[in-house]
Amino acid sequence: MDRVRFTTIEDNDDLVLSFSFEEGTVFGIDGFIIQRTPKLEFTLRPYERGPAIDWTAEDEIITVQEIVLSRAVVVIKTHYDTYSFDISKISAEEYKGVIDILQKMNFDNAFKFSYS
């Protein structure tokens, strides 16, 4: 399981959570990004709305279905895959920021979200 080195959060028109890792890991320093732009979602089909992690070559948006967060691990599930990351080394402040931005992204209960 890859260990998150730090997180980056953007809380403007775009809601963005990025997990950054060591170089040489699957996602590397550029990280794993979850993003949502609520004010533009009206242009999407209902099943495309919510936080997204990527899109396919056919322009299908890959949305988050569930996030389970603990102080040690985050598990992110989509229709296509499940990702697990070690977040035990991020600061308490970063951890609180992750909870806060995910709650904000989930204002309409677009995905299952639990944390401890």
PDB file of N, CA and C in Angstrom:
ATOM      1  N   MET A   1       0.854  -1.176   0.000  1.00  0.00           N
ATOM      2  CA  MET A   1       0.000   0.000   0.000  1.00  0.00           C
ATOM      3  C   MET A   1       0.898   1.238   0.000  1.00  0.00           C
ATOM      4  N   ASP A   2       0.640   2.144  -0.930  1.00  0.00           N
ATOM      5  CA  ASP A   2       1.433   3.364  -1.015  1.00  0.00           C
ATOM      6  C   ASP A   2       1.111   4.299   0.141  1.00  0.00           C
ATOM      7  N   ARG A   3       2.155   4.953   0.641  1.00  0.00           N
ATOM      8  CA  ARG A   3       2.001   5.880   1.768  1.00  0.00           C
ATOM      9  C   ARG A   3       1.893   7.313   1.249  1.00  0.00           C
ATOM     10  N   VAL A   4       0.876   8.016   1.716  1.00  0.00           N
ATOM     11  CA  VAL A   4       0.673   9.410   1.364  1.00  0.00           C
ATOM     12  C   VAL A   4       1.689  10.254   2.123  1.00  0.00           C
ATOM     13  N   ARG A   5       2.415  11.098   1.393  1.00  0.00           N
ATOM     14  CA  ARG A   5       3.390  12.004   2.010  1.00  0.00           C
ATOM     15  C   ARG A   5       2.721  13.275   2.514  1.00  0.00           C
ATOM     16  N   PHE A   6       1.811  13.812   1.690  1.00  0.00           N
ATOM     17  CA  PHE A   6       1.084  15.013   2.087  1.00  0.00           C
ATOM     18  C   PHE A   6      -0.166  15.145   1.227  1.00  0.00           C
ATOM     19  N   THR A   7      -1.062  16.007   1.678  1.00  0.00           N
ATOM     20  CA  THR A   7      -2.295  16.271   0.931  1.00  0.00           C
ATOM     21  C   THR A   7      -2.312  17.727   0.497  1.00  0.00           C
ATOM     22  N   THR A   8      -3.073  17.991  -0.570  1.00  0.00           N
ATOM     23  CA  THR A   8      -3.320  19.354  -1.020  1.00  0.00           C
ATOM     24  C   THR A   8      -4.822  19.500  -1.189  1.00  0.00           C
ATOM     25  N   ILE A   9      -5.353  20.603  -0.700  1.00  0.00           N
ATOM     26  CA  ILE A   9      -6.791  20.844  -0.765  1.00  0.00           C
ATOM     27  C   ILE A   9      -7.044  22.186  -1.422  1.00  0.00           C
ATOM     28  N   GLU A  10      -8.016  22.191  -2.339  1.00  0.00           N
ATOM     29  CA  GLU A  10      -8.475  23.421  -2.962  1.00  0.00           C
ATOM     30  C   GLU A  10      -9.970  23.529  -2.674  1.00  0.00           C
ATOM     31  N   ASP A  11     -10.367  24.663  -2.129  1.00  0.00           N
ATOM     32  CA  ASP A  11     -11.764  24.858  -1.742  1.00  0.00           C
ATOM     33  C   ASP A  11     -12.261  26.183  -2.313  1.00  0.00           C
ATOM     34  N   ASN A  12     -12.495  26.181  -3.613  1.00  0.00           N
ATOM     35  CA  ASN A  12     -13.020  27.349  -4.314  1.00  0.00           C
ATOM     36  C   ASN A  12     -14.218  26.885  -5.131  1.00  0.00           C
ATOM     37  N   ASP A  13     -14.336  27.362  -6.381  1.00  0.00           N
ATOM     38  CA  ASP A  13     -15.376  26.837  -7.262  1.00  0.00           C
ATOM     39  C   ASP A  13     -15.150  25.350  -7.492  1.00  0.00           C
ATOM     40  N   ASP A  14     -13.886  24.970  -7.609  1.00  0.00           N
ATOM     41  CA  ASP A  14     -13.515  23.561  -7.695  1.00  0.00           C
ATOM     42  C   ASP A  14     -13.161  23.074  -6.297  1.00  0.00           C
ATOM     43  N   LEU A  15     -13.665  21.906  -5.954  1.00  0.00           N
ATOM     44  CA  LEU A  15     -13.291  21.248  -4.697  1.00  0.00           C
ATOM     45  C   LEU A  15     -12.327  20.140  -5.075  1.00  0.00           C
ATOM     46  N   VAL A  16     -11.099  20.215  -4.566  1.00  0.00           N
ATOM     47  CA  VAL A  16     -10.058  19.279  -4.980  1.00  0.00           C
ATOM     48  C   VAL A  16      -9.333  18.738  -3.754  1.00  0.00           C
ATOM     49  N   LEU A  17      -9.141  17.416  -3.746  1.00  0.00           N
ATOM     50  CA  LEU A  17      -8.333  16.745  -2.734  1.00  0.00           C
ATOM     51  C   LEU A  17      -7.299  15.926  -3.477  1.00  0.00           C
ATOM     52  N   SER A  18      -6.039  16.177  -3.184  1.00  0.00           N
ATOM     53  CA  SER A  18      -4.956  15.455  -3.834  1.00  0.00           C
ATOM     54  C   SER A  18      -4.084  14.789  -2.778  1.00  0.00           C
ATOM     55  N   PHE A  19      -3.800  13.509  -2.992  1.00  0.00           N
ATOM     56  CA  PHE A  19      -2.878  12.757  -2.154  1.00  0.00           C
ATOM     57  C   PHE A  19      -1.569  12.615  -2.930  1.00  0.00           C
ATOM     58  N   SER A  20      -0.447  13.025  -2.341  1.00  0.00           N
ATOM     59  CA  SER A  20       0.854  12.914  -2.992  1.00  0.00           C
ATOM     60  C   SER A  20       1.685  11.821  -2.344  1.00  0.00           C
ATOM     61  N   PHE A  21       2.460  11.120  -3.175  1.00  0.00           N
ATOM     62  CA  PHE A  21       3.224   9.955  -2.745  1.00  0.00           C
ATOM     63  C   PHE A  21       4.699  10.128  -3.081  1.00  0.00           C
ATOM     64  N   GLU A  22       5.491   9.130  -2.764  1.00  0.00           N
ATOM     65  CA  GLU A  22       6.904   9.105  -3.134  1.00  0.00           C
ATOM     66  C   GLU A  22       7.036   8.949  -4.646  1.00  0.00           C
ATOM     67  N   GLU A  23       8.111   9.462  -5.196  1.00  0.00           N
ATOM     68  CA  GLU A  23       8.399   9.205  -6.601  1.00  0.00           C
ATOM     69  C   GLU A  23       8.585   7.710  -6.793  1.00  0.00           C
ATOM     70  N   GLY A  24       8.217   7.215  -7.945  1.00  0.00           N
ATOM     71  CA  GLY A  24       8.369   5.797  -8.231  1.00  0.00           C
ATOM     72  C   GLY A  24       7.190   4.947  -7.821  1.00  0.00           C
ATOM     73  N   THR A  25       6.207   5.531  -7.145  1.00  0.00           N
ATOM     74  CA  THR A  25       4.991   4.793  -6.808  1.00  0.00           C
ATOM     75  C   THR A  25       4.000   4.949  -7.964  1.00  0.00           C
ATOM     76  N   VAL A  26       2.907   4.233  -7.904  1.00  0.00           N
ATOM     77  CA  VAL A  26       1.938   4.246  -9.006  1.00  0.00           C
ATOM     78  C   VAL A  26       1.471   5.663  -9.341  1.00  0.00           C
ATOM     79  N   PHE A  27       1.108   6.448  -8.342  1.00  0.00           N
ATOM     80  CA  PHE A  27       0.600   7.797  -8.590  1.00  0.00           C
ATOM     81  C   PHE A  27       1.676   8.870  -8.437  1.00  0.00           C
ATOM     82  N   GLY A  28       2.781   8.528  -7.762  1.00  0.00           N
ATOM     83  CA  GLY A  28       3.916   9.433  -7.654  1.00  0.00           C
ATOM     84  C   GLY A  28       3.608  10.752  -6.985  1.00  0.00           C
ATOM     85  N   ILE A  29       4.487  11.689  -7.179  1.00  0.00           N
ATOM     86  CA  ILE A  29       4.388  12.994  -6.542  1.00  0.00           C
ATOM     87  C   ILE A  29       3.175  13.778  -7.057  1.00  0.00           C
ATOM     88  N   ASP A  30       2.767  13.518  -8.305  1.00  0.00           N
ATOM     89  CA  ASP A  30       1.590  14.205  -8.851  1.00  0.00           C
ATOM     90  C   ASP A  30       0.318  13.757  -8.165  1.00  0.00           C
ATOM     91  N   GLY A  31       0.317  12.543  -7.654  1.00  0.00           N
ATOM     92  CA  GLY A  31      -0.722  12.087  -6.760  1.00  0.00           C
ATOM     93  C   GLY A  31      -2.004  11.562  -7.372  1.00  0.00           C
ATOM     94  N   PHE A  32      -2.910  11.291  -6.481  1.00  0.00           N
ATOM     95  CA  PHE A  32      -4.249  10.795  -6.768  1.00  0.00           C
ATOM     96  C   PHE A  32      -5.199  11.935  -6.461  1.00  0.00           C
ATOM     97  N   ILE A  33      -6.018  12.329  -7.417  1.00  0.00           N
ATOM     98  CA  ILE A  33      -6.837  13.532  -7.268  1.00  0.00           C
ATOM     99  C   ILE A  33      -8.327  13.188  -7.319  1.00  0.00           C
ATOM    100  N   ILE A  34      -9.057  13.757  -6.369  1.00  0.00           N
ATOM    101  CA  ILE A  34     -10.518  13.702  -6.366  1.00  0.00           C
ATOM    102  C   ILE A  34     -10.983  15.138  -6.545  1.00  0.00           C
ATOM    103  N   GLN A  35     -11.863  15.365  -7.523  1.00  0.00           N
ATOM    104  CA  GLN A  35     -12.312  16.736  -7.733  1.00  0.00           C
ATOM    105  C   GLN A  35     -13.803  16.802  -8.032  1.00  0.00           C
ATOM    106  N   ARG A  36     -14.358  17.942  -7.683  1.00  0.00           N
ATOM    107  CA  ARG A  36     -15.778  18.184  -7.933  1.00  0.00           C
ATOM    108  C   ARG A  36     -15.977  19.673  -8.185  1.00  0.00           C
ATOM    109  N   THR A  37     -16.812  19.993  -9.164  1.00  0.00           N
ATOM    110  CA  THR A  37     -17.151  21.377  -9.479  1.00  0.00           C
ATOM    111  C   THR A  37     -18.673  21.515  -9.454  1.00  0.00           C
ATOM    112  N   PRO A  38     -19.234  21.720  -8.267  1.00  0.00           N
ATOM    113  CA  PRO A  38     -20.694  21.739  -8.121  1.00  0.00           C
ATOM    114  C   PRO A  38     -21.412  22.731  -9.040  1.00  0.00           C
ATOM    115  N   LYS A  39     -20.833  23.890  -9.261  1.00  0.00           N
ATOM    116  CA  LYS A  39     -21.577  24.892 -10.024  1.00  0.00           C
ATOM    117  C   LYS A  39     -21.683  24.566 -11.508  1.00  0.00           C
ATOM    118  N   LEU A  40     -20.895  23.582 -11.992  1.00  0.00           N
ATOM    119  CA  LEU A  40     -20.986  23.177 -13.398  1.00  0.00           C
ATOM    120  C   LEU A  40     -21.649  21.817 -13.588  1.00  0.00           C
ATOM    121  N   GLU A  41     -22.008  21.160 -12.504  1.00  0.00           N
ATOM    122  CA  GLU A  41     -22.560  19.811 -12.610  1.00  0.00           C
ATOM    123  C   GLU A  41     -23.908  19.752 -13.309  1.00  0.00           C
ATOM    124  N   PHE A  42     -24.618  20.849 -13.379  1.00  0.00           N
ATOM    125  CA  PHE A  42     -25.907  20.835 -14.059  1.00  0.00           C
ATOM    126  C   PHE A  42     -25.765  20.455 -15.532  1.00  0.00           C
ATOM    127  N   THR A  43     -24.568  20.598 -16.087  1.00  0.00           N
ATOM    128  CA  THR A  43     -24.325  20.242 -17.490  1.00  0.00           C
ATOM    129  C   THR A  43     -24.103  18.742 -17.686  1.00  0.00           C
ATOM    130  N   LEU A  44     -23.941  18.010 -16.590  1.00  0.00           N
ATOM    131  CA  LEU A  44     -23.671  16.574 -16.662  1.00  0.00           C
ATOM    132  C   LEU A  44     -24.951  15.762 -16.514  1.00  0.00           C
ATOM    133  N   ARG A  45     -24.889  14.524 -16.991  1.00  0.00           N
ATOM    134  CA  ARG A  45     -25.984  13.590 -16.752  1.00  0.00           C
ATOM    135  C   ARG A  45     -25.994  13.256 -15.258  1.00  0.00           C
ATOM    136  N   PRO A  46     -27.144  12.929 -14.691  1.00  0.00           N
ATOM    137  CA  PRO A  46     -27.213  12.665 -13.253  1.00  0.00           C
ATOM    138  C   PRO A  46     -26.198  11.633 -12.753  1.00  0.00           C
ATOM    139  N   TYR A  47     -25.972  10.568 -13.497  1.00  0.00           N
ATOM    140  CA  TYR A  47     -25.036   9.532 -13.046  1.00  0.00           C
ATOM    141  C   TYR A  47     -23.571   9.959 -13.173  1.00  0.00           C
ATOM    142  N   GLU A  48     -23.307  11.105 -13.806  1.00  0.00           N
ATOM    143  CA  GLU A  48     -21.940  11.615 -13.918  1.00  0.00           C
ATOM    144  C   GLU A  48     -21.612  12.641 -12.833  1.00  0.00           C
ATOM    145  N   ARG A  49     -22.584  13.016 -12.055  1.00  0.00           N
ATOM    146  CA  ARG A  49     -22.396  14.045 -11.034  1.00  0.00           C
ATOM    147  C   ARG A  49     -21.762  13.455  -9.785  1.00  0.00           C
ATOM    148  N   GLY A  50     -21.009  14.283  -9.091  1.00  0.00           N
ATOM    149  CA  GLY A  50     -20.320  13.857  -7.877  1.00  0.00           C
ATOM    150  C   GLY A  50     -18.819  13.968  -8.058  1.00  0.00           C
ATOM    151  N   PRO A  51     -18.061  13.661  -7.019  1.00  0.00           N
ATOM    152  CA  PRO A  51     -16.609  13.730  -7.104  1.00  0.00           C
ATOM    153  C   PRO A  51     -16.074  12.730  -8.127  1.00  0.00           C
ATOM    154  N   ALA A  52     -15.141  13.176  -8.937  1.00  0.00           N
ATOM    155  CA  ALA A  52     -14.565  12.333  -9.984  1.00  0.00           C
ATOM    156  C   ALA A  52     -13.074  12.142  -9.751  1.00  0.00           C
ATOM    157  N   ILE A  53     -12.578  10.991 -10.187  1.00  0.00           N
ATOM    158  CA  ILE A  53     -11.134  10.754 -10.103  1.00  0.00           C
ATOM    159  C   ILE A  53     -10.485  10.724 -11.471  1.00  0.00           C
ATOM    160  N   ASP A  54     -11.274  10.489 -12.532  1.00  0.00           N
ATOM    161  CA  ASP A  54     -10.694  10.351 -13.863  1.00  0.00           C
ATOM    162  C   ASP A  54     -11.822  10.218 -14.874  1.00  0.00           C
ATOM    163  N   TRP A  55     -11.438  10.038 -16.119  1.00  0.00           N
ATOM    164  CA  TRP A  55     -12.406   9.704 -17.151  1.00  0.00           C
ATOM    165  C   TRP A  55     -11.731   8.746 -18.119  1.00  0.00           C
ATOM    166  N   THR A  56     -12.555   7.952 -18.784  1.00  0.00           N
ATOM    167  CA  THR A  56     -12.037   6.930 -19.692  1.00  0.00           C
ATOM    168  C   THR A  56     -11.757   7.537 -21.061  1.00  0.00           C
ATOM    169  N   ALA A  57     -11.167   6.741 -21.941  1.00  0.00           N
ATOM    170  CA  ALA A  57     -10.888   7.177 -23.311  1.00  0.00           C
ATOM    171  C   ALA A  57     -12.189   7.524 -24.041  1.00  0.00           C
ATOM    172  N   GLU A  58     -13.297   6.953 -23.597  1.00  0.00           N
ATOM    173  CA  GLU A  58     -14.601   7.232 -24.197  1.00  0.00           C
ATOM    174  C   GLU A  58     -15.290   8.416 -23.513  1.00  0.00           C
ATOM    175  N   ASP A  59     -14.562   9.169 -22.729  1.00  0.00           N
ATOM    176  CA  ASP A  59     -15.064  10.330 -21.994  1.00  0.00           C
ATOM    177  C   ASP A  59     -16.098   9.984 -20.932  1.00  0.00           C
ATOM    178  N   GLU A  60     -16.065   8.762 -20.434  1.00  0.00           N
ATOM    179  CA  GLU A  60     -16.917   8.398 -19.315  1.00  0.00           C
ATOM    180  C   GLU A  60     -16.250   8.888 -18.037  1.00  0.00           C
ATOM    181  N   ILE A  61     -16.999   9.602 -17.218  1.00  0.00           N
ATOM    182  CA  ILE A  61     -16.465  10.139 -15.974  1.00  0.00           C
ATOM    183  C   ILE A  61     -16.471   9.041 -14.918  1.00  0.00           C
ATOM    184  N   ILE A  62     -15.346   8.853 -14.253  1.00  0.00           N
ATOM    185  CA  ILE A  62     -15.244   7.854 -13.186  1.00  0.00           C
ATOM    186  C   ILE A  62     -15.469   8.569 -11.864  1.00  0.00           C
ATOM    187  N   THR A  63     -16.611   8.304 -11.263  1.00  0.00           N
ATOM    188  CA  THR A  63     -16.982   8.981 -10.027  1.00  0.00           C
ATOM    189  C   THR A  63     -16.737   8.102  -8.809  1.00  0.00           C
ATOM    190  N   VAL A  64     -16.582   8.757  -7.686  1.00  0.00           N
ATOM    191  CA  VAL A  64     -16.407   8.084  -6.403  1.00  0.00           C
ATOM    192  C   VAL A  64     -17.754   7.514  -5.961  1.00  0.00           C
ATOM    193  N   GLN A  65     -17.747   6.270  -5.515  1.00  0.00           N
ATOM    194  CA  GLN A  65     -18.952   5.621  -5.008  1.00  0.00           C
ATOM    195  C   GLN A  65     -18.950   5.552  -3.478  1.00  0.00           C
ATOM    196  N   GLU A  66     -17.738   5.380  -2.911  1.00  0.00           N
ATOM    197  CA  GLU A  66     -17.628   5.259  -1.456  1.00  0.00           C
ATOM    198  C   GLU A  66     -16.223   5.615  -1.007  1.00  0.00           C
ATOM    199  N   ILE A  67     -16.132   6.265   0.152  1.00  0.00           N
ATOM    200  CA  ILE A  67     -14.840   6.539   0.792  1.00  0.00           C
ATOM    201  C   ILE A  67     -14.962   6.144   2.256  1.00  0.00           C
ATOM    202  N   VAL A  68     -14.022   5.318   2.699  1.00  0.00           N
ATOM    203  CA  VAL A  68     -13.919   4.922   4.102  1.00  0.00           C
ATOM    204  C   VAL A  68     -12.575   5.443   4.586  1.00  0.00           C
ATOM    205  N   LEU A  69     -12.619   6.266   5.634  1.00  0.00           N
ATOM    206  CA  LEU A  69     -11.432   6.967   6.105  1.00  0.00           C
ATOM    207  C   LEU A  69     -11.189   6.637   7.571  1.00  0.00           C
ATOM    208  N   SER A  70      -9.974   6.264   7.871  1.00  0.00           N
ATOM    209  CA  SER A  70      -9.556   6.128   9.265  1.00  0.00           C
ATOM    210  C   SER A  70      -8.267   6.915   9.407  1.00  0.00           C
ATOM    211  N   ARG A  71      -7.763   6.999  10.600  1.00  0.00           N
ATOM    212  CA  ARG A  71      -6.528   7.761  10.816  1.00  0.00           C
ATOM    213  C   ARG A  71      -5.331   7.087  10.149  1.00  0.00           C
ATOM    214  N   ALA A  72      -5.464   5.819   9.782  1.00  0.00           N
ATOM    215  CA  ALA A  72      -4.357   5.080   9.169  1.00  0.00           C
ATOM    216  C   ALA A  72      -4.507   4.861   7.670  1.00  0.00           C
ATOM    217  N   VAL A  73      -5.747   4.684   7.203  1.00  0.00           N
ATOM    218  CA  VAL A  73      -5.962   4.266   5.808  1.00  0.00           C
ATOM    219  C   VAL A  73      -7.170   4.979   5.223  1.00  0.00           C
ATOM    220  N   VAL A  74      -7.094   5.283   3.927  1.00  0.00           N
ATOM    221  CA  VAL A  74      -8.260   5.743   3.186  1.00  0.00           C
ATOM    222  C   VAL A  74      -8.514   4.724   2.079  1.00  0.00           C
ATOM    223  N   VAL A  75      -9.786   4.330   1.931  1.00  0.00           N
ATOM    224  CA  VAL A  75     -10.196   3.407   0.871  1.00  0.00           C
ATOM    225  C   VAL A  75     -11.206   4.151   0.006  1.00  0.00           C
ATOM    226  N   ILE A  76     -10.908   4.212  -1.295  1.00  0.00           N
ATOM    227  CA  ILE A  76     -11.738   4.933  -2.248  1.00  0.00           C
ATOM    228  C   ILE A  76     -12.254   3.930  -3.275  1.00  0.00           C
ATOM    229  N   LYS A  77     -13.579   3.844  -3.406  1.00  0.00           N
ATOM    230  CA  LYS A  77     -14.177   2.885  -4.339  1.00  0.00           C
ATOM    231  C   LYS A  77     -14.889   3.620  -5.463  1.00  0.00           C
ATOM    232  N   THR A  78     -14.684   3.121  -6.688  1.00  0.00           N
ATOM    233  CA  THR A  78     -15.416   3.581  -7.867  1.00  0.00           C
ATOM    234  C   THR A  78     -16.078   2.356  -8.488  1.00  0.00           C
ATOM    235  N   HIS A  79     -16.793   2.545  -9.583  1.00  0.00           N
ATOM    236  CA  HIS A  79     -17.371   1.395 -10.288  1.00  0.00           C
ATOM    237  C   HIS A  79     -16.280   0.506 -10.884  1.00  0.00           C
ATOM    238  N   TYR A  80     -15.106   1.061 -11.100  1.00  0.00           N
ATOM    239  CA  TYR A  80     -14.041   0.348 -11.791  1.00  0.00           C
ATOM    240  C   TYR A  80     -12.992  -0.269 -10.885  1.00  0.00           C
ATOM    241  N   ASP A  81     -12.717   0.364  -9.759  1.00  0.00           N
ATOM    242  CA  ASP A  81     -11.585  -0.076  -8.960  1.00  0.00           C
ATOM    243  C   ASP A  81     -11.741   0.379  -7.511  1.00  0.00           C
ATOM    244  N   THR A  82     -10.874  -0.167  -6.668  1.00  0.00           N
ATOM    245  CA  THR A  82     -10.780   0.242  -5.274  1.00  0.00           C
ATOM    246  C   THR A  82      -9.334   0.614  -5.002  1.00  0.00           C
ATOM    247  N   TYR A  83      -9.125   1.753  -4.356  1.00  0.00           N
ATOM    248  CA  TYR A  83      -7.785   2.255  -4.051  1.00  0.00           C
ATOM    249  C   TYR A  83      -7.643   2.364  -2.547  1.00  0.00           C
ATOM    250  N   SER A  84      -6.516   1.890  -2.016  1.00  0.00           N
ATOM    251  CA  SER A  84      -6.231   1.997  -0.584  1.00  0.00           C
ATOM    252  C   SER A  84      -4.881   2.666  -0.403  1.00  0.00           C
ATOM    253  N   PHE A  85      -4.856   3.680   0.462  1.00  0.00           N
ATOM    254  CA  PHE A  85      -3.630   4.421   0.720  1.00  0.00           C
ATOM    255  C   PHE A  85      -3.387   4.541   2.219  1.00  0.00           C
ATOM    256  N   ASP A  86      -2.135   4.456   2.598  1.00  0.00           N
ATOM    257  CA  ASP A  86      -1.695   4.647   3.976  1.00  0.00           C
ATOM    258  C   ASP A  86      -1.611   6.150   4.232  1.00  0.00           C
ATOM    259  N   ILE A  87      -2.430   6.669   5.137  1.00  0.00           N
ATOM    260  CA  ILE A  87      -2.394   8.098   5.459  1.00  0.00           C
ATOM    261  C   ILE A  87      -1.921   8.332   6.889  1.00  0.00           C
ATOM    262  N   SER A  88      -1.280   7.345   7.476  1.00  0.00           N
ATOM    263  CA  SER A  88      -0.883   7.425   8.886  1.00  0.00           C
ATOM    264  C   SER A  88       0.146   8.511   9.169  1.00  0.00           C
ATOM    265  N   LYS A  89       0.872   8.966   8.167  1.00  0.00           N
ATOM    266  CA  LYS A  89       1.933   9.952   8.388  1.00  0.00           C
ATOM    267  C   LYS A  89       1.501  11.395   8.144  1.00  0.00           C
ATOM    268  N   ILE A  90       0.250  11.611   7.667  1.00  0.00           N
ATOM    269  CA  ILE A  90      -0.164  13.007   7.503  1.00  0.00           C
ATOM    270  C   ILE A  90      -0.492  13.588   8.873  1.00  0.00           C
ATOM    271  N   SER A  91      -0.393  14.893   8.993  1.00  0.00           N
ATOM    272  CA  SER A  91      -0.630  15.553  10.278  1.00  0.00           C
ATOM    273  C   SER A  91      -2.109  15.509  10.657  1.00  0.00           C
ATOM    274  N   ALA A  92      -2.379  15.755  11.923  1.00  0.00           N
ATOM    275  CA  ALA A  92      -3.758  15.813  12.410  1.00  0.00           C
ATOM    276  C   ALA A  92      -4.521  16.930  11.701  1.00  0.00           C
ATOM    277  N   GLU A  93      -3.850  18.024  11.437  1.00  0.00           N
ATOM    278  CA  GLU A  93      -4.467  19.141  10.723  1.00  0.00           C
ATOM    279  C   GLU A  93      -4.836  18.739   9.290  1.00  0.00           C
ATOM    280  N   GLU A  94      -3.923  18.034   8.615  1.00  0.00           N
ATOM    281  CA  GLU A  94      -4.227  17.557   7.262  1.00  0.00           C
ATOM    282  C   GLU A  94      -5.401  16.581   7.282  1.00  0.00           C
ATOM    283  N   TYR A  95      -5.416  15.679   8.263  1.00  0.00           N
ATOM    284  CA  TYR A  95      -6.493  14.697   8.376  1.00  0.00           C
ATOM    285  C   TYR A  95      -7.840  15.396   8.538  1.00  0.00           C
ATOM    286  N   LYS A  96      -7.900  16.415   9.397  1.00  0.00           N
ATOM    287  CA  LYS A  96      -9.132  17.178   9.571  1.00  0.00           C
ATOM    288  C   LYS A  96      -9.521  17.870   8.275  1.00  0.00           C
ATOM    289  N   GLY A  97      -8.541  18.388   7.545  1.00  0.00           N
ATOM    290  CA  GLY A  97      -8.818  19.027   6.250  1.00  0.00           C
ATOM    291  C   GLY A  97      -9.396  18.047   5.239  1.00  0.00           C
ATOM    292  N   VAL A  98      -8.899  16.801   5.251  1.00  0.00           N
ATOM    293  CA  VAL A  98      -9.422  15.758   4.359  1.00  0.00           C
ATOM    294  C   VAL A  98     -10.892  15.489   4.693  1.00  0.00           C
ATOM    295  N   ILE A  99     -11.211  15.342   5.972  1.00  0.00           N
ATOM    296  CA  ILE A  99     -12.598  15.110   6.381  1.00  0.00           C
ATOM    297  C   ILE A  99     -13.472  16.281   5.938  1.00  0.00           C
ATOM    298  N   ASP A 100     -13.008  17.498   6.197  1.00  0.00           N
ATOM    299  CA  ASP A 100     -13.802  18.689   5.872  1.00  0.00           C
ATOM    300  C   ASP A 100     -14.097  18.798   4.378  1.00  0.00           C
ATOM    301  N   ILE A 101     -13.089  18.592   3.529  1.00  0.00           N
ATOM    302  CA  ILE A 101     -13.313  18.749   2.080  1.00  0.00           C
ATOM    303  C   ILE A 101     -14.176  17.610   1.543  1.00  0.00           C
ATOM    304  N   LEU A 102     -14.020  16.403   2.084  1.00  0.00           N
ATOM    305  CA  LEU A 102     -14.864  15.295   1.626  1.00  0.00           C
ATOM    306  C   LEU A 102     -16.319  15.519   2.037  1.00  0.00           C
ATOM    307  N   GLN A 103     -16.543  16.056   3.223  1.00  0.00           N
ATOM    308  CA  GLN A 103     -17.914  16.382   3.636  1.00  0.00           C
ATOM    309  C   GLN A 103     -18.505  17.449   2.714  1.00  0.00           C
ATOM    310  N   LYS A 104     -17.699  18.427   2.356  1.00  0.00           N
ATOM    311  CA  LYS A 104     -18.173  19.475   1.455  1.00  0.00           C
ATOM    312  C   LYS A 104     -18.478  18.900   0.072  1.00  0.00           C
ATOM    313  N   MET A 105     -17.625  17.981  -0.418  1.00  0.00           N
ATOM    314  CA  MET A 105     -17.873  17.327  -1.709  1.00  0.00           C
ATOM    315  C   MET A 105     -19.138  16.482  -1.676  1.00  0.00           C
ATOM    316  N   ASN A 106     -19.519  16.031  -0.502  1.00  0.00           N
ATOM    317  CA  ASN A 106     -20.654  15.130  -0.360  1.00  0.00           C
ATOM    318  C   ASN A 106     -21.918  15.855   0.114  1.00  0.00           C
ATOM    319  N   PHE A 107     -22.044  17.126  -0.228  1.00  0.00           N
ATOM    320  CA  PHE A 107     -23.175  17.932   0.213  1.00  0.00           C
ATOM    321  C   PHE A 107     -24.526  17.338  -0.192  1.00  0.00           C
ATOM    322  N   ASP A 108     -24.540  16.544  -1.246  1.00  0.00           N
ATOM    323  CA  ASP A 108     -25.791  15.958  -1.739  1.00  0.00           C
ATOM    324  C   ASP A 108     -25.824  14.435  -1.583  1.00  0.00           C
ATOM    325  N   ASN A 109     -24.941  13.917  -0.748  1.00  0.00           N
ATOM    326  CA  ASN A 109     -24.844  12.468  -0.522  1.00  0.00           C
ATOM    327  C   ASN A 109     -24.601  11.697  -1.816  1.00  0.00           C
ATOM    328  N   ALA A 110     -23.727  12.223  -2.653  1.00  0.00           N
ATOM    329  CA  ALA A 110     -23.407  11.602  -3.940  1.00  0.00           C
ATOM    330  C   ALA A 110     -22.649  10.283  -3.771  1.00  0.00           C
ATOM    331  N   PHE A 111     -22.000  10.100  -2.615  1.00  0.00           N
ATOM    332  CA  PHE A 111     -21.254   8.879  -2.352  1.00  0.00           C
ATOM    333  C   PHE A 111     -21.373   8.523  -0.871  1.00  0.00           C
ATOM    334  N   LYS A 112     -21.101   7.274  -0.560  1.00  0.00           N
ATOM    335  CA  LYS A 112     -21.077   6.849   0.839  1.00  0.00           C
ATOM    336  C   LYS A 112     -19.774   7.336   1.445  1.00  0.00           C
ATOM    337  N   PHE A 113     -19.867   7.927   2.635  1.00  0.00           N
ATOM    338  CA  PHE A 113     -18.673   8.448   3.288  1.00  0.00           C
ATOM    339  C   PHE A 113     -18.738   8.125   4.774  1.00  0.00           C
ATOM    340  N   SER A 114     -17.690   7.460   5.252  1.00  0.00           N
ATOM    341  CA  SER A 114     -17.590   7.190   6.686  1.00  0.00           C
ATOM    342  C   SER A 114     -16.158   7.436   7.128  1.00  0.00           C
ATOM    343  N   TYR A 115     -16.027   7.878   8.366  1.00  0.00           N
ATOM    344  CA  TYR A 115     -14.695   8.131   8.918  1.00  0.00           C
ATOM    345  C   TYR A 115     -14.706   7.893  10.420  1.00  0.00           C
ATOM    346  N   SER A 116     -13.490   7.657  10.936  1.00  0.00           N
ATOM    347  CA  SER A 116     -13.364   7.465  12.380  1.00  0.00           C
ATOM    348  C   SER A 116     -12.200   8.262  12.906  1.00  0.00           C
TER     349      SER A 116
END
